Amino acid sequence: MAYVISDACLSCGSCAGECPVGAISEGEGQFVIDADACIECGTCAAVCPASAISQG
């Protein structure tokens, strides 16, 4: 199951720079993960300072 970003997102961009497949982009108000591109590696969740990323 792909990872998702909750409303706790600070829009800092830490996760986007760490995603090995570029599945994370800046959305309206917070970053979003493309579920079809996500390889479920968990790298984004590990670097999120707000703990806003979890498996959906």
N, C-alpha and C. Protein backbone atom coordinates (compact mmCIF):
# COMPACT_ATOMS: atom_id res chain seq x y z
N MET A 1 0.84 -1.18 0.00
CA MET A 1 0.00 0.00 0.00
C MET A 1 0.89 1.25 0.00
N ALA A 2 0.60 2.17 -0.86
CA ALA A 2 1.41 3.38 -1.00
C ALA A 2 1.35 4.25 0.25
N TYR A 3 2.36 5.08 0.40
CA TYR A 3 2.41 6.01 1.52
C TYR A 3 1.53 7.23 1.20
N VAL A 4 1.04 7.87 2.26
CA VAL A 4 0.21 9.07 2.11
C VAL A 4 0.71 10.14 3.07
N ILE A 5 0.42 11.38 2.75
CA ILE A 5 0.83 12.51 3.58
C ILE A 5 -0.42 13.12 4.22
N SER A 6 -0.40 13.25 5.54
CA SER A 6 -1.56 13.78 6.26
C SER A 6 -1.55 15.31 6.31
N ASP A 7 -2.59 15.87 6.92
CA ASP A 7 -2.72 17.31 7.07
C ASP A 7 -1.66 17.89 8.00
N ALA A 8 -0.91 17.04 8.69
CA ALA A 8 0.16 17.50 9.57
C ALA A 8 1.38 17.98 8.78
N CYS A 9 1.36 17.82 7.46
CA CYS A 9 2.46 18.22 6.58
C CYS A 9 2.80 19.70 6.78
N LEU A 10 4.09 19.98 6.93
CA LEU A 10 4.58 21.34 7.12
C LEU A 10 4.99 22.00 5.80
N SER A 11 4.89 21.26 4.71
CA SER A 11 5.30 21.72 3.37
C SER A 11 6.76 22.12 3.33
N CYS A 12 7.60 21.39 4.06
CA CYS A 12 9.03 21.70 4.10
C CYS A 12 9.79 21.12 2.90
N GLY A 13 9.24 20.06 2.28
CA GLY A 13 9.87 19.47 1.12
C GLY A 13 10.94 18.44 1.41
N SER A 14 11.17 18.12 2.67
CA SER A 14 12.20 17.13 3.02
C SER A 14 11.95 15.79 2.33
N CYS A 15 10.72 15.39 2.27
CA CYS A 15 10.37 14.09 1.69
C CYS A 15 10.61 14.04 0.18
N ALA A 16 10.27 15.10 -0.50
CA ALA A 16 10.39 15.12 -1.97
C ALA A 16 11.82 14.90 -2.43
N GLY A 17 12.76 15.48 -1.72
CA GLY A 17 14.16 15.33 -2.09
C GLY A 17 14.72 13.95 -1.83
N GLU A 18 14.07 13.19 -0.97
CA GLU A 18 14.55 11.86 -0.61
C GLU A 18 13.91 10.73 -1.42
N CYS A 19 12.79 10.99 -2.07
CA CYS A 19 12.08 9.94 -2.80
C CYS A 19 12.91 9.47 -4.00
N PRO A 20 13.28 8.18 -4.03
CA PRO A 20 14.14 7.68 -5.12
C PRO A 20 13.46 7.60 -6.48
N VAL A 21 12.13 7.67 -6.51
CA VAL A 21 11.41 7.57 -7.78
C VAL A 21 10.66 8.85 -8.13
N GLY A 22 10.83 9.90 -7.36
CA GLY A 22 10.19 11.17 -7.65
C GLY A 22 8.68 11.15 -7.54
N ALA A 23 8.15 10.36 -6.62
CA ALA A 23 6.70 10.21 -6.49
C ALA A 23 6.06 11.32 -5.67
N ILE A 24 6.86 12.21 -5.08
CA ILE A 24 6.33 13.26 -4.21
C ILE A 24 6.47 14.62 -4.88
N SER A 25 5.39 15.36 -4.86
CA SER A 25 5.40 16.70 -5.46
C SER A 25 4.61 17.66 -4.58
N GLU A 26 4.80 18.94 -4.82
CA GLU A 26 4.11 19.95 -4.04
C GLU A 26 2.69 20.11 -4.56
N GLY A 27 1.73 19.90 -3.68
CA GLY A 27 0.33 20.07 -4.03
C GLY A 27 -0.16 21.40 -3.50
N GLU A 28 -1.46 21.56 -3.43
CA GLU A 28 -2.04 22.79 -2.89
C GLU A 28 -2.09 22.70 -1.38
N GLY A 29 -1.22 23.44 -0.71
CA GLY A 29 -1.20 23.47 0.74
C GLY A 29 -0.29 22.46 1.41
N GLN A 30 0.05 21.39 0.72
CA GLN A 30 0.96 20.39 1.27
C GLN A 30 1.49 19.51 0.15
N PHE A 31 2.48 18.71 0.46
CA PHE A 31 3.04 17.80 -0.53
C PHE A 31 2.13 16.58 -0.68
N VAL A 32 2.19 15.93 -1.84
CA VAL A 32 1.36 14.76 -2.11
C VAL A 32 2.23 13.66 -2.71
N ILE A 33 1.78 12.42 -2.53
CA ILE A 33 2.48 11.26 -3.07
C ILE A 33 1.64 10.63 -4.17
N ASP A 34 2.25 10.39 -5.31
CA ASP A 34 1.60 9.70 -6.42
C ASP A 34 1.58 8.21 -6.08
N ALA A 35 0.42 7.69 -5.75
CA ALA A 35 0.29 6.29 -5.32
C ALA A 35 0.76 5.31 -6.38
N ASP A 36 0.58 5.66 -7.65
CA ASP A 36 0.98 4.76 -8.73
C ASP A 36 2.50 4.68 -8.88
N ALA A 37 3.19 5.75 -8.50
CA ALA A 37 4.65 5.79 -8.63
C ALA A 37 5.37 5.32 -7.36
N CYS A 38 4.70 5.40 -6.22
CA CYS A 38 5.30 5.03 -4.92
C CYS A 38 5.72 3.57 -4.92
N ILE A 39 6.97 3.31 -4.49
CA ILE A 39 7.48 1.94 -4.40
C ILE A 39 7.48 1.43 -2.97
N GLU A 40 6.86 2.18 -2.06
CA GLU A 40 6.67 1.78 -0.67
C GLU A 40 7.98 1.50 0.07
N CYS A 41 8.99 2.32 -0.20
CA CYS A 41 10.29 2.12 0.45
C CYS A 41 10.34 2.71 1.86
N GLY A 42 9.50 3.73 2.13
CA GLY A 42 9.44 4.32 3.45
C GLY A 42 10.47 5.40 3.73
N THR A 43 11.29 5.74 2.75
CA THR A 43 12.32 6.76 2.93
C THR A 43 11.69 8.10 3.30
N CYS A 44 10.60 8.43 2.68
CA CYS A 44 9.93 9.71 2.95
C CYS A 44 9.46 9.80 4.39
N ALA A 45 8.88 8.73 4.90
CA ALA A 45 8.38 8.73 6.27
C ALA A 45 9.51 8.88 7.28
N ALA A 46 10.66 8.31 6.95
CA ALA A 46 11.81 8.37 7.85
C ALA A 46 12.38 9.78 7.99
N VAL A 47 12.25 10.61 6.96
CA VAL A 47 12.83 11.95 7.01
C VAL A 47 11.82 13.06 7.36
N CYS A 48 10.55 12.74 7.45
CA CYS A 48 9.53 13.75 7.72
C CYS A 48 9.63 14.25 9.16
N PRO A 49 9.91 15.55 9.35
CA PRO A 49 10.05 16.09 10.70
C PRO A 49 8.71 16.19 11.45
N ALA A 50 7.60 16.13 10.73
CA ALA A 50 6.28 16.24 11.36
C ALA A 50 5.60 14.89 11.55
N SER A 51 6.28 13.81 11.14
CA SER A 51 5.68 12.47 11.19
C SER A 51 4.33 12.46 10.48
N ALA A 52 4.25 13.15 9.35
CA ALA A 52 3.01 13.29 8.60
C ALA A 52 2.82 12.24 7.52
N ILE A 53 3.77 11.30 7.39
CA ILE A 53 3.69 10.32 6.31
C ILE A 53 3.56 8.92 6.90
N SER A 54 2.58 8.19 6.36
CA SER A 54 2.35 6.80 6.81
C SER A 54 1.83 5.99 5.65
N GLN A 55 1.80 4.67 5.81
CA GLN A 55 1.25 3.84 4.77
C GLN A 55 -0.26 3.98 4.77
N GLY A 56 -0.81 4.19 3.58
CA GLY A 56 -2.24 4.40 3.44
C GLY A 56 -2.93 3.11 3.39
